[in-house]
Amino acid sequence: MSNQDQAPQPRQTDRWLEPGKTNLVVIYILYLASFFIGITGIVGIVLAHLNQGKSEPWLESHYTWVIRTFWIGVAGALVSAVLFVVLIGFLTIFLVAIWIIIRTVIGLQKLTRDEPIDNPQSWLL
């Protein structure tokens, strides 16, 4: 039998690109890694937007959560950048970082327990 007769097998690594639990774990990890490698947060938000609306409702609550975490975090970082002028930006950027970390850890915990996010539209925790 030649190689042309065999159907190409999908790569195992492609699973993390598909909507679902594995994809969300990757997004949460990318968010945490963005504190060390800045670009990974952008990769995470792209994955979240690409896969939103393509999975079960309890997983959709996580997609809403990660998307809101990213964009609210960006808004908080921009406000902090402006506040650097009056020196309070150092405190606010620290608080924004803590807020992002806490939301990401909460999301990962609920995801590993197969639980939806209770209020994915929330600005708080």
Protein backbone atom coordinates (compact mmCIF):
# COMPACT_ATOMS: atom_id res chain seq x y z
CA MET A 1 0.00 0.00 0.00
CA SER A 2 1.39 3.42 -0.90
CA ASN A 3 1.18 6.65 1.04
CA GLN A 4 -1.34 8.00 -1.47
CA ASP A 5 -3.88 5.33 -0.50
CA GLN A 6 -3.96 6.39 3.13
CA ALA A 7 -6.11 9.26 4.26
CA PRO A 8 -4.14 11.94 6.08
CA GLN A 9 -4.54 11.66 9.81
CA PRO A 10 -5.36 14.84 11.70
CA ARG A 11 -2.57 15.97 13.98
CA GLN A 12 -3.23 15.53 17.68
CA THR A 13 -2.11 19.10 18.37
CA ASP A 14 -4.99 20.50 16.32
CA ARG A 15 -7.48 19.64 19.11
CA TRP A 16 -6.51 22.69 21.09
CA LEU A 17 -7.62 24.93 18.23
CA GLU A 18 -11.16 23.53 18.20
CA PRO A 19 -13.86 24.99 20.45
CA GLY A 20 -14.12 23.22 23.77
CA LYS A 21 -12.53 22.59 27.09
CA THR A 22 -8.97 22.07 25.80
CA ASN A 23 -9.14 25.32 23.84
CA LEU A 24 -10.28 27.21 26.92
CA VAL A 25 -7.46 25.76 29.04
CA VAL A 26 -5.01 26.98 26.38
CA ILE A 27 -6.60 30.45 26.42
CA TYR A 28 -6.40 30.70 30.21
CA ILE A 29 -2.75 29.60 30.14
CA LEU A 30 -1.97 32.10 27.39
CA TYR A 31 -3.48 34.86 29.55
CA LEU A 32 -1.27 33.90 32.48
CA ALA A 33 1.78 33.62 30.23
CA SER A 34 1.13 37.12 28.90
CA PHE A 35 2.57 38.52 32.12
CA PHE A 36 5.93 37.13 30.99
CA ILE A 37 5.50 37.03 27.19
CA GLY A 38 3.18 39.88 26.24
CA ILE A 39 1.98 38.60 22.87
CA THR A 40 0.33 35.44 24.25
CA GLY A 41 -2.66 37.39 25.57
CA ILE A 42 -3.39 38.55 22.03
CA VAL A 43 -3.19 34.98 20.76
CA GLY A 44 -5.61 33.98 23.53
CA ILE A 45 -8.18 36.64 22.66
CA VAL A 46 -8.02 35.70 18.96
CA LEU A 47 -8.67 32.05 19.83
CA ALA A 48 -11.54 33.07 22.10
CA HIS A 49 -13.21 35.23 19.45
CA LEU A 50 -12.75 32.55 16.78
CA ASN A 51 -14.38 29.85 18.90
CA GLN A 52 -17.11 31.80 20.66
CA GLY A 53 -20.57 30.54 19.78
CA LYS A 54 -19.39 27.10 18.67
CA SER A 55 -19.67 24.98 21.81
CA GLU A 56 -21.96 23.93 24.64
CA PRO A 57 -23.68 26.66 26.71
CA TRP A 58 -21.62 26.04 29.85
CA LEU A 59 -18.43 26.46 27.78
CA GLU A 60 -19.85 29.60 26.18
CA SER A 61 -19.97 31.17 29.63
CA HIS A 62 -16.19 30.65 29.79
CA TYR A 63 -15.66 32.18 26.34
CA THR A 64 -17.65 35.25 27.43
CA TRP A 65 -15.62 35.37 30.66
CA VAL A 66 -12.21 35.24 28.92
CA ILE A 67 -13.20 37.77 26.29
CA ARG A 68 -14.47 40.21 28.91
CA THR A 69 -11.41 39.61 31.08
CA PHE A 70 -9.14 40.57 28.20
CA TRP A 71 -10.99 43.69 27.06
CA ILE A 72 -11.71 45.01 30.56
CA GLY A 73 -8.05 44.34 31.41
CA VAL A 74 -6.94 46.32 28.35
CA ALA A 75 -9.23 49.20 29.35
CA GLY A 76 -7.85 49.10 32.89
CA ALA A 77 -4.28 49.11 31.57
CA LEU A 78 -5.03 52.13 29.37
CA VAL A 79 -6.55 54.03 32.28
CA SER A 80 -3.52 53.11 34.37
CA ALA A 81 -1.21 54.38 31.63
CA VAL A 82 -2.94 57.74 31.76
CA LEU A 83 -2.77 57.75 35.56
CA PHE A 84 1.01 57.21 35.48
CA VAL A 85 1.19 60.98 34.97
CA VAL A 86 -0.11 61.53 38.50
CA LEU A 87 1.82 58.54 39.87
CA ILE A 88 -1.27 56.58 40.87
CA GLY A 89 -0.91 54.48 37.71
CA PHE A 90 1.66 52.29 39.46
CA LEU A 91 -0.99 51.19 41.93
CA THR A 92 -3.82 50.81 39.42
CA ILE A 93 -1.78 48.73 36.95
CA PHE A 94 -0.85 46.42 39.82
CA LEU A 95 -4.54 46.10 40.77
CA VAL A 96 -5.52 45.40 37.15
CA ALA A 97 -2.88 42.64 36.95
CA ILE A 98 -4.15 41.05 40.18
CA TRP A 99 -7.73 41.27 38.88
CA ILE A 100 -6.76 39.49 35.62
CA ILE A 101 -4.87 36.76 37.49
CA ILE A 102 -7.76 36.14 39.89
CA ARG A 103 -10.35 35.96 37.08
CA THR A 104 -8.12 33.60 35.11
CA VAL A 105 -7.58 31.29 38.08
CA ILE A 106 -11.31 31.30 38.90
CA GLY A 107 -12.08 30.41 35.28
CA LEU A 108 -9.53 27.59 35.24
CA GLN A 109 -10.87 26.16 38.50
CA LYS A 110 -14.46 26.17 37.27
CA LEU A 111 -13.42 24.74 33.91
CA THR A 112 -11.56 21.82 35.48
CA ARG A 113 -14.65 21.08 37.60
CA ASP A 114 -16.85 21.25 34.45
CA GLU A 115 -18.81 24.17 35.90
CA PRO A 116 -20.05 27.23 34.01
CA ILE A 117 -19.14 30.75 35.07
CA ASP A 118 -22.03 31.94 37.25
CA ASN A 119 -22.16 35.48 35.87
CA PRO A 120 -19.89 35.77 32.81
CA GLN A 121 -21.02 39.37 32.15
CA SER A 122 -19.72 40.53 35.53
CA TRP A 123 -17.04 43.18 35.83
CA LEU A 124 -16.00 41.78 39.19
CA LEU A 125 -15.03 38.31 40.27
